Amino acid sequence: MTFGIDSRDIALAGAALALLLGPSLRASEPIDPGRFETLHRTIQPRPDEERWLQIPWETSLWEARRKASAEGKPILLWEMDGNPLGCT
């Protein structure tokens, strides 16, 4: 006797969860146009939060290795796999 979980169990659990949470998963009320500007300013990054944009990043690993070697500096490799709109 095995106690494995297969795709049917996952689908059934997902359907049950959707039925239980469905009524509470409604869209929120629209933002009042008068409040939009204030909210928009609030969520914008401050200049001190975007200092990483001032770094002259290299897009070529070979060029980054060459420069790092010449200047005696380390390399910070910022890399991700998957869809650029969201890792899957």
PDB file of N, CA and C in Angstrom:
ATOM      1  N   MET A   1       0.846  -1.177   0.000  1.00  0.00           N
ATOM      2  CA  MET A   1       0.000   0.000   0.000  1.00  0.00           C
ATOM      3  C   MET A   1       0.891   1.240   0.000  1.00  0.00           C
ATOM      4  N   THR A   2       0.616   2.172  -0.892  1.00  0.00           N
ATOM      5  CA  THR A   2       1.395   3.405  -0.941  1.00  0.00           C
ATOM      6  C   THR A   2       0.507   4.587  -0.579  1.00  0.00           C
ATOM      7  N   PHE A   3       1.119   5.626  -0.068  1.00  0.00           N
ATOM      8  CA  PHE A   3       0.391   6.826   0.329  1.00  0.00           C
ATOM      9  C   PHE A   3       0.920   8.038  -0.426  1.00  0.00           C
ATOM     10  N   GLY A   4       1.040   7.933  -1.725  1.00  0.00           N
ATOM     11  CA  GLY A   4       1.552   9.033  -2.540  1.00  0.00           C
ATOM     12  C   GLY A   4       0.447  10.020  -2.891  1.00  0.00           C
ATOM     13  N   ILE A   5       0.850  11.205  -3.262  1.00  0.00           N
ATOM     14  CA  ILE A   5      -0.093  12.232  -3.709  1.00  0.00           C
ATOM     15  C   ILE A   5       0.061  12.349  -5.214  1.00  0.00           C
ATOM     16  N   ASP A   6      -1.027  12.225  -5.945  1.00  0.00           N
ATOM     17  CA  ASP A   6      -0.938  12.370  -7.391  1.00  0.00           C
ATOM     18  C   ASP A   6      -1.652  13.639  -7.845  1.00  0.00           C
ATOM     19  N   SER A   7      -1.639  13.879  -9.135  1.00  0.00           N
ATOM     20  CA  SER A   7      -2.196  15.125  -9.672  1.00  0.00           C
ATOM     21  C   SER A   7      -3.699  15.240  -9.428  1.00  0.00           C
ATOM     22  N   ARG A   8      -4.407  14.121  -9.337  1.00  0.00           N
ATOM     23  CA  ARG A   8      -5.847  14.189  -9.055  1.00  0.00           C
ATOM     24  C   ARG A   8      -6.111  14.712  -7.651  1.00  0.00           C
ATOM     25  N   ASP A   9      -5.273  14.287  -6.694  1.00  0.00           N
ATOM     26  CA  ASP A   9      -5.420  14.769  -5.321  1.00  0.00           C
ATOM     27  C   ASP A   9      -5.179  16.280  -5.257  1.00  0.00           C
ATOM     28  N   ILE A  10      -4.152  16.746  -5.974  1.00  0.00           N
ATOM     29  CA  ILE A  10      -3.832  18.175  -5.985  1.00  0.00           C
ATOM     30  C   ILE A  10      -4.962  18.966  -6.632  1.00  0.00           C
ATOM     31  N   ALA A  11      -5.491  18.457  -7.738  1.00  0.00           N
ATOM     32  CA  ALA A  11      -6.595  19.146  -8.416  1.00  0.00           C
ATOM     33  C   ALA A  11      -7.833  19.206  -7.525  1.00  0.00           C
ATOM     34  N   LEU A  12      -8.130  18.111  -6.831  1.00  0.00           N
ATOM     35  CA  LEU A  12      -9.286  18.073  -5.933  1.00  0.00           C
ATOM     36  C   LEU A  12      -9.105  19.052  -4.769  1.00  0.00           C
ATOM     37  N   ALA A  13      -7.896  19.090  -4.212  1.00  0.00           N
ATOM     38  CA  ALA A  13      -7.630  20.025  -3.116  1.00  0.00           C
ATOM     39  C   ALA A  13      -7.744  21.461  -3.597  1.00  0.00           C
ATOM     40  N   GLY A  14      -7.247  21.745  -4.801  1.00  0.00           N
ATOM     41  CA  GLY A  14      -7.353  23.095  -5.363  1.00  0.00           C
ATOM     42  C   GLY A  14      -8.793  23.502  -5.605  1.00  0.00           C
ATOM     43  N   ALA A  15      -9.600  22.579  -6.106  1.00  0.00           N
ATOM     44  CA  ALA A  15     -11.016  22.875  -6.338  1.00  0.00           C
ATOM     45  C   ALA A  15     -11.740  23.137  -5.024  1.00  0.00           C
ATOM     46  N   ALA A  16     -11.439  22.343  -4.005  1.00  0.00           N
ATOM     47  CA  ALA A  16     -12.065  22.541  -2.700  1.00  0.00           C
ATOM     48  C   ALA A  16     -11.666  23.890  -2.107  1.00  0.00           C
ATOM     49  N   LEU A  17     -10.397  24.235  -2.253  1.00  0.00           N
ATOM     50  CA  LEU A  17      -9.913  25.517  -1.738  1.00  0.00           C
ATOM     51  C   LEU A  17     -10.586  26.679  -2.466  1.00  0.00           C
ATOM     52  N   ALA A  18     -10.745  26.557  -3.772  1.00  0.00           N
ATOM     53  CA  ALA A  18     -11.406  27.612  -4.545  1.00  0.00           C
ATOM     54  C   ALA A  18     -12.860  27.775  -4.114  1.00  0.00           C
ATOM     55  N   LEU A  19     -13.534  26.661  -3.830  1.00  0.00           N
ATOM     56  CA  LEU A  19     -14.922  26.746  -3.378  1.00  0.00           C
ATOM     57  C   LEU A  19     -15.019  27.402  -1.998  1.00  0.00           C
ATOM     58  N   LEU A  20     -14.070  27.087  -1.131  1.00  0.00           N
ATOM     59  CA  LEU A  20     -14.102  27.650   0.222  1.00  0.00           C
ATOM     60  C   LEU A  20     -13.725  29.133   0.243  1.00  0.00           C
ATOM     61  N   LEU A  21     -12.726  29.500  -0.560  1.00  0.00           N
ATOM     62  CA  LEU A  21     -12.229  30.875  -0.523  1.00  0.00           C
ATOM     63  C   LEU A  21     -12.844  31.772  -1.589  1.00  0.00           C
ATOM     64  N   GLY A  22     -13.541  31.200  -2.529  1.00  0.00           N
ATOM     65  CA  GLY A  22     -14.110  31.958  -3.639  1.00  0.00           C
ATOM     66  C   GLY A  22     -14.815  33.246  -3.234  1.00  0.00           C
ATOM     67  N   PRO A  23     -15.756  33.189  -2.292  1.00  0.00           N
ATOM     68  CA  PRO A  23     -16.462  34.418  -1.923  1.00  0.00           C
ATOM     69  C   PRO A  23     -15.547  35.491  -1.327  1.00  0.00           C
ATOM     70  N   SER A  24     -14.440  35.104  -0.709  1.00  0.00           N
ATOM     71  CA  SER A  24     -13.577  36.110  -0.091  1.00  0.00           C
ATOM     72  C   SER A  24     -12.521  36.639  -1.057  1.00  0.00           C
ATOM     73  N   LEU A  25     -12.437  36.086  -2.266  1.00  0.00           N
ATOM     74  CA  LEU A  25     -11.428  36.503  -3.225  1.00  0.00           C
ATOM     75  C   LEU A  25     -11.994  37.500  -4.232  1.00  0.00           C
ATOM     76  N   ARG A  26     -12.660  38.503  -3.754  1.00  0.00           N
ATOM     77  CA  ARG A  26     -13.237  39.519  -4.635  1.00  0.00           C
ATOM     78  C   ARG A  26     -12.237  40.635  -4.857  1.00  0.00           C
ATOM     79  N   ALA A  27     -12.392  41.336  -5.973  1.00  0.00           N
ATOM     80  CA  ALA A  27     -11.538  42.491  -6.256  1.00  0.00           C
ATOM     81  C   ALA A  27     -11.840  43.592  -5.243  1.00  0.00           C
ATOM     82  N   SER A  28     -10.823  44.339  -4.909  1.00  0.00           N
ATOM     83  CA  SER A  28     -11.030  45.442  -3.973  1.00  0.00           C
ATOM     84  C   SER A  28     -11.759  46.582  -4.676  1.00  0.00           C
ATOM     85  N   GLU A  29     -12.215  47.509  -3.887  1.00  0.00           N
ATOM     86  CA  GLU A  29     -12.908  48.672  -4.439  1.00  0.00           C
ATOM     87  C   GLU A  29     -11.925  49.511  -5.254  1.00  0.00           C
ATOM     88  N   PRO A  30     -12.399  50.176  -6.295  1.00  0.00           N
ATOM     89  CA  PRO A  30     -11.512  51.037  -7.077  1.00  0.00           C
ATOM     90  C   PRO A  30     -10.950  52.176  -6.212  1.00  0.00           C
ATOM     91  N   ILE A  31      -9.770  52.640  -6.574  1.00  0.00           N
ATOM     92  CA  ILE A  31      -9.151  53.753  -5.847  1.00  0.00           C
ATOM     93  C   ILE A  31      -9.832  55.043  -6.259  1.00  0.00           C
ATOM     94  N   ASP A  32     -10.178  55.820  -5.265  1.00  0.00           N
ATOM     95  CA  ASP A  32     -10.794  57.118  -5.520  1.00  0.00           C
ATOM     96  C   ASP A  32      -9.796  57.994  -6.288  1.00  0.00           C
ATOM     97  N   PRO A  33     -10.207  58.619  -7.405  1.00  0.00           N
ATOM     98  CA  PRO A  33      -9.284  59.447  -8.182  1.00  0.00           C
ATOM     99  C   PRO A  33      -8.619  60.553  -7.360  1.00  0.00           C
ATOM    100  N   GLY A  34      -9.308  61.072  -6.358  1.00  0.00           N
ATOM    101  CA  GLY A  34      -8.734  62.107  -5.508  1.00  0.00           C
ATOM    102  C   GLY A  34      -7.586  61.600  -4.653  1.00  0.00           C
ATOM    103  N   ARG A  35      -7.587  60.303  -4.335  1.00  0.00           N
ATOM    104  CA  ARG A  35      -6.533  59.691  -3.516  1.00  0.00           C
ATOM    105  C   ARG A  35      -5.403  59.097  -4.330  1.00  0.00           C
ATOM    106  N   PHE A  36      -5.644  58.945  -5.636  1.00  0.00           N
ATOM    107  CA  PHE A  36      -4.673  58.259  -6.469  1.00  0.00           C
ATOM    108  C   PHE A  36      -3.302  58.932  -6.440  1.00  0.00           C
ATOM    109  N   GLU A  37      -3.250  60.250  -6.624  1.00  0.00           N
ATOM    110  CA  GLU A  37      -1.961  60.958  -6.650  1.00  0.00           C
ATOM    111  C   GLU A  37      -1.173  60.738  -5.359  1.00  0.00           C
ATOM    112  N   THR A  38      -1.846  60.833  -4.219  1.00  0.00           N
ATOM    113  CA  THR A  38      -1.169  60.625  -2.940  1.00  0.00           C
ATOM    114  C   THR A  38      -0.625  59.202  -2.842  1.00  0.00           C
ATOM    115  N   LEU A  39      -1.428  58.219  -3.202  1.00  0.00           N
ATOM    116  CA  LEU A  39      -0.981  56.827  -3.161  1.00  0.00           C
ATOM    117  C   LEU A  39       0.163  56.583  -4.140  1.00  0.00           C
ATOM    118  N   HIS A  40       0.059  57.164  -5.314  1.00  0.00           N
ATOM    119  CA  HIS A  40       1.094  56.978  -6.327  1.00  0.00           C
ATOM    120  C   HIS A  40       2.429  57.549  -5.840  1.00  0.00           C
ATOM    121  N   ARG A  41       2.429  58.729  -5.254  1.00  0.00           N
ATOM    122  CA  ARG A  41       3.660  59.324  -4.708  1.00  0.00           C
ATOM    123  C   ARG A  41       4.219  58.463  -3.575  1.00  0.00           C
ATOM    124  N   THR A  42       3.342  57.894  -2.769  1.00  0.00           N
ATOM    125  CA  THR A  42       3.768  57.098  -1.617  1.00  0.00           C
ATOM    126  C   THR A  42       4.508  55.833  -2.039  1.00  0.00           C
ATOM    127  N   ILE A  43       4.074  55.184  -3.116  1.00  0.00           N
ATOM    128  CA  ILE A  43       4.697  53.916  -3.506  1.00  0.00           C
ATOM    129  C   ILE A  43       5.903  54.088  -4.423  1.00  0.00           C
ATOM    130  N   GLN A  44       6.173  55.296  -4.897  1.00  0.00           N
ATOM    131  CA  GLN A  44       7.343  55.516  -5.751  1.00  0.00           C
ATOM    132  C   GLN A  44       8.627  55.394  -4.941  1.00  0.00           C
ATOM    133  N   PRO A  45       9.659  54.759  -5.507  1.00  0.00           N
ATOM    134  CA  PRO A  45      10.923  54.654  -4.781  1.00  0.00           C
ATOM    135  C   PRO A  45      11.552  56.035  -4.582  1.00  0.00           C
ATOM    136  N   ARG A  46      12.156  56.224  -3.412  1.00  0.00           N
ATOM    137  CA  ARG A  46      12.878  57.472  -3.157  1.00  0.00           C
ATOM    138  C   ARG A  46      14.228  57.397  -3.871  1.00  0.00           C
ATOM    139  N   PRO A  47      14.836  58.561  -4.161  1.00  0.00           N
ATOM    140  CA  PRO A  47      16.139  58.542  -4.846  1.00  0.00           C
ATOM    141  C   PRO A  47      17.190  57.701  -4.110  1.00  0.00           C
ATOM    142  N   ASP A  48      17.180  57.705  -2.780  1.00  0.00           N
ATOM    143  CA  ASP A  48      18.176  56.919  -2.044  1.00  0.00           C
ATOM    144  C   ASP A  48      17.910  55.410  -2.131  1.00  0.00           C
ATOM    145  N   GLU A  49      16.740  55.009  -2.630  1.00  0.00           N
ATOM    146  CA  GLU A  49      16.432  53.590  -2.795  1.00  0.00           C
ATOM    147  C   GLU A  49      16.826  53.073  -4.180  1.00  0.00           C
ATOM    148  N   GLU A  50      17.268  53.963  -5.059  1.00  0.00           N
ATOM    149  CA  GLU A  50      17.614  53.562  -6.420  1.00  0.00           C
ATOM    150  C   GLU A  50      19.086  53.803  -6.742  1.00  0.00           C
ATOM    151  N   ARG A  51      19.921  53.772  -5.734  1.00  0.00           N
ATOM    152  CA  ARG A  51      21.344  54.017  -5.959  1.00  0.00           C
ATOM    153  C   ARG A  51      21.982  52.937  -6.815  1.00  0.00           C
ATOM    154  N   TRP A  52      21.400  51.755  -6.854  1.00  0.00           N
ATOM    155  CA  TRP A  52      21.944  50.681  -7.683  1.00  0.00           C
ATOM    156  C   TRP A  52      21.910  51.050  -9.157  1.00  0.00           C
ATOM    157  N   LEU A  53      21.033  52.006  -9.536  1.00  0.00           N
ATOM    158  CA  LEU A  53      20.965  52.456 -10.930  1.00  0.00           C
ATOM    159  C   LEU A  53      22.190  53.285 -11.322  1.00  0.00           C
ATOM    160  N   GLN A  54      22.938  53.782 -10.335  1.00  0.00           N
ATOM    161  CA  GLN A  54      24.120  54.601 -10.609  1.00  0.00           C
ATOM    162  C   GLN A  54      25.362  53.750 -10.872  1.00  0.00           C
ATOM    163  N   ILE A  55      25.277  52.460 -10.644  1.00  0.00           N
ATOM    164  CA  ILE A  55      26.413  51.562 -10.869  1.00  0.00           C
ATOM    165  C   ILE A  55      26.522  51.271 -12.362  1.00  0.00           C
ATOM    166  N   PRO A  56      27.722  51.394 -12.936  1.00  0.00           N
ATOM    167  CA  PRO A  56      27.877  51.076 -14.369  1.00  0.00           C
ATOM    168  C   PRO A  56      27.929  49.556 -14.592  1.00  0.00           C
ATOM    169  N   TRP A  57      26.769  48.918 -14.558  1.00  0.00           N
ATOM    170  CA  TRP A  57      26.686  47.464 -14.689  1.00  0.00           C
ATOM    171  C   TRP A  57      27.180  47.015 -16.053  1.00  0.00           C
ATOM    172  N   GLU A  58      27.812  45.851 -16.104  1.00  0.00           N
ATOM    173  CA  GLU A  58      28.227  45.220 -17.353  1.00  0.00           C
ATOM    174  C   GLU A  58      27.199  44.162 -17.711  1.00  0.00           C
ATOM    175  N   THR A  59      26.882  44.054 -18.984  1.00  0.00           N
ATOM    176  CA  THR A  59      25.964  43.007 -19.429  1.00  0.00           C
ATOM    177  C   THR A  59      26.715  41.820 -20.014  1.00  0.00           C
ATOM    178  N   SER A  60      28.010  41.967 -20.197  1.00  0.00           N
ATOM    179  CA  SER A  60      28.852  40.890 -20.704  1.00  0.00           C
ATOM    180  C   SER A  60      29.705  40.344 -19.559  1.00  0.00           C
ATOM    181  N   LEU A  61      29.560  39.049 -19.282  1.00  0.00           N
ATOM    182  CA  LEU A  61      30.359  38.445 -18.220  1.00  0.00           C
ATOM    183  C   LEU A  61      31.852  38.506 -18.565  1.00  0.00           C
ATOM    184  N   TRP A  62      32.183  38.299 -19.828  1.00  0.00           N
ATOM    185  CA  TRP A  62      33.583  38.350 -20.227  1.00  0.00           C
ATOM    186  C   TRP A  62      34.172  39.743 -19.972  1.00  0.00           C
ATOM    187  N   GLU A  63      33.435  40.775 -20.351  1.00  0.00           N
ATOM    188  CA  GLU A  63      33.914  42.152 -20.131  1.00  0.00           C
ATOM    189  C   GLU A  63      34.015  42.453 -18.634  1.00  0.00           C
ATOM    190  N   ALA A  64      33.074  41.976 -17.856  1.00  0.00           N
ATOM    191  CA  ALA A  64      33.126  42.182 -16.400  1.00  0.00           C
ATOM    192  C   ALA A  64      34.352  41.488 -15.807  1.00  0.00           C
ATOM    193  N   ARG A  65      34.653  40.276 -16.263  1.00  0.00           N
ATOM    194  CA  ARG A  65      35.835  39.553 -15.776  1.00  0.00           C
ATOM    195  C   ARG A  65      37.120  40.288 -16.145  1.00  0.00           C
ATOM    196  N   ARG A  66      37.164  40.818 -17.367  1.00  0.00           N
ATOM    197  CA  ARG A  66      38.344  41.546 -17.818  1.00  0.00           C
ATOM    198  C   ARG A  66      38.576  42.794 -16.976  1.00  0.00           C
ATOM    199  N   LYS A  67      37.510  43.566 -16.765  1.00  0.00           N
ATOM    200  CA  LYS A  67      37.627  44.798 -15.970  1.00  0.00           C
ATOM    201  C   LYS A  67      37.948  44.498 -14.510  1.00  0.00           C
ATOM    202  N   ALA A  68      37.297  43.485 -13.939  1.00  0.00           N
ATOM    203  CA  ALA A  68      37.544  43.136 -12.542  1.00  0.00           C
ATOM    204  C   ALA A  68      38.990  42.704 -12.346  1.00  0.00           C
ATOM    205  N   SER A  69      39.516  41.950 -13.296  1.00  0.00           N
ATOM    206  CA  SER A  69      40.904  41.506 -13.193  1.00  0.00           C
ATOM    207  C   SER A  69      41.860  42.691 -13.293  1.00  0.00           C
ATOM    208  N   ALA A  70      41.580  43.603 -14.223  1.00  0.00           N
ATOM    209  CA  ALA A  70      42.457  44.759 -14.414  1.00  0.00           C
ATOM    210  C   ALA A  70      42.432  45.699 -13.204  1.00  0.00           C
ATOM    211  N   GLU A  71      41.279  45.803 -12.545  1.00  0.00           N
ATOM    212  CA  GLU A  71      41.132  46.735 -11.425  1.00  0.00           C
ATOM    213  C   GLU A  71      41.284  46.063 -10.061  1.00  0.00           C
ATOM    214  N   GLY A  72      41.467  44.737 -10.047  1.00  0.00           N
ATOM    215  CA  GLY A  72      41.604  44.028  -8.782  1.00  0.00           C
ATOM    216  C   GLY A  72      40.337  44.066  -7.940  1.00  0.00           C
ATOM    217  N   LYS A  73      39.201  43.990  -8.594  1.00  0.00           N
ATOM    218  CA  LYS A  73      37.905  44.058  -7.898  1.00  0.00           C
ATOM    219  C   LYS A  73      37.133  42.760  -8.081  1.00  0.00           C
ATOM    220  N   PRO A  74      36.213  42.463  -7.151  1.00  0.00           N
ATOM    221  CA  PRO A  74      35.377  41.260  -7.296  1.00  0.00           C
ATOM    222  C   PRO A  74      34.230  41.520  -8.276  1.00  0.00           C
ATOM    223  N   ILE A  75      33.548  40.450  -8.630  1.00  0.00           N
ATOM    224  CA  ILE A  75      32.378  40.535  -9.520  1.00  0.00           C
ATOM    225  C   ILE A  75      31.134  40.187  -8.715  1.00  0.00           C
ATOM    226  N   LEU A  76      30.093  40.993  -8.860  1.00  0.00           N
ATOM    227  CA  LEU A  76      28.774  40.657  -8.327  1.00  0.00           C
ATOM    228  C   LEU A  76      27.948  40.194  -9.514  1.00  0.00           C
ATOM    229  N   LEU A  77      27.562  38.946  -9.504  1.00  0.00           N
ATOM    230  CA  LEU A  77      26.788  38.383 -10.600  1.00  0.00           C
ATOM    231  C   LEU A  77      25.320  38.365 -10.200  1.00  0.00           C
ATOM    232  N   TRP A  78      24.516  39.168 -10.884  1.00  0.00           N
ATOM    233  CA  TRP A  78      23.074  39.219 -10.641  1.00  0.00           C
ATOM    234  C   TRP A  78      22.435  38.480 -11.805  1.00  0.00           C
ATOM    235  N   GLU A  79      21.930  37.281 -11.547  1.00  0.00           N
ATOM    236  CA  GLU A  79      21.471  36.404 -12.604  1.00  0.00           C
ATOM    237  C   GLU A  79      20.170  35.752 -12.198  1.00  0.00           C
ATOM    238  N   MET A  80      19.313  35.524 -13.169  1.00  0.00           N
ATOM    239  CA  MET A  80      18.084  34.786 -12.902  1.00  0.00           C
ATOM    240  C   MET A  80      17.734  33.952 -14.127  1.00  0.00           C
ATOM    241  N   ASP A  81      17.002  32.885 -13.900  1.00  0.00           N
ATOM    242  CA  ASP A  81      16.569  32.014 -14.971  1.00  0.00           C
ATOM    243  C   ASP A  81      15.058  32.130 -15.110  1.00  0.00           C
ATOM    244  N   GLY A  82      14.577  31.820 -16.274  1.00  0.00           N
ATOM    245  CA  GLY A  82      13.136  31.807 -16.485  1.00  0.00           C
ATOM    246  C   GLY A  82      12.650  33.034 -17.200  1.00  0.00           C
ATOM    247  N   ASN A  83      11.367  33.191 -17.216  1.00  0.00           N
ATOM    248  CA  ASN A  83      10.717  34.302 -17.885  1.00  0.00           C
ATOM    249  C   ASN A  83      11.080  35.609 -17.210  1.00  0.00           C
ATOM    250  N   PRO A  84      11.497  36.650 -17.953  1.00  0.00           N
ATOM    251  CA  PRO A  84      11.864  37.913 -17.311  1.00  0.00           C
ATOM    252  C   PRO A  84      10.682  38.605 -16.625  1.00  0.00           C
ATOM    253  N   LEU A  85       9.474  38.186 -16.913  1.00  0.00           N
ATOM    254  CA  LEU A  85       8.303  38.771 -16.259  1.00  0.00           C
ATOM    255  C   LEU A  85       7.962  38.058 -14.959  1.00  0.00           C
ATOM    256  N   GLY A  86       8.737  37.055 -14.607  1.00  0.00           N
ATOM    257  CA  GLY A  86       8.521  36.328 -13.357  1.00  0.00           C
ATOM    258  C   GLY A  86       9.095  34.938 -13.449  1.00  0.00           C
ATOM    259  N   CYS A  87       9.960  34.595 -12.537  1.00  0.00           N
ATOM    260  CA  CYS A  87      10.569  33.263 -12.559  1.00  0.00           C
ATOM    261  C   CYS A  87       9.503  32.200 -12.316  1.00  0.00           C
ATOM    262  N   THR A  88       9.540  31.172 -13.097  1.00  0.00           N
ATOM    263  CA  THR A  88       8.587  30.069 -12.942  1.00  0.00           C
ATOM    264  C   THR A  88       9.306  28.785 -12.690  1.00  0.00           C
TER     265      THR A  88
END
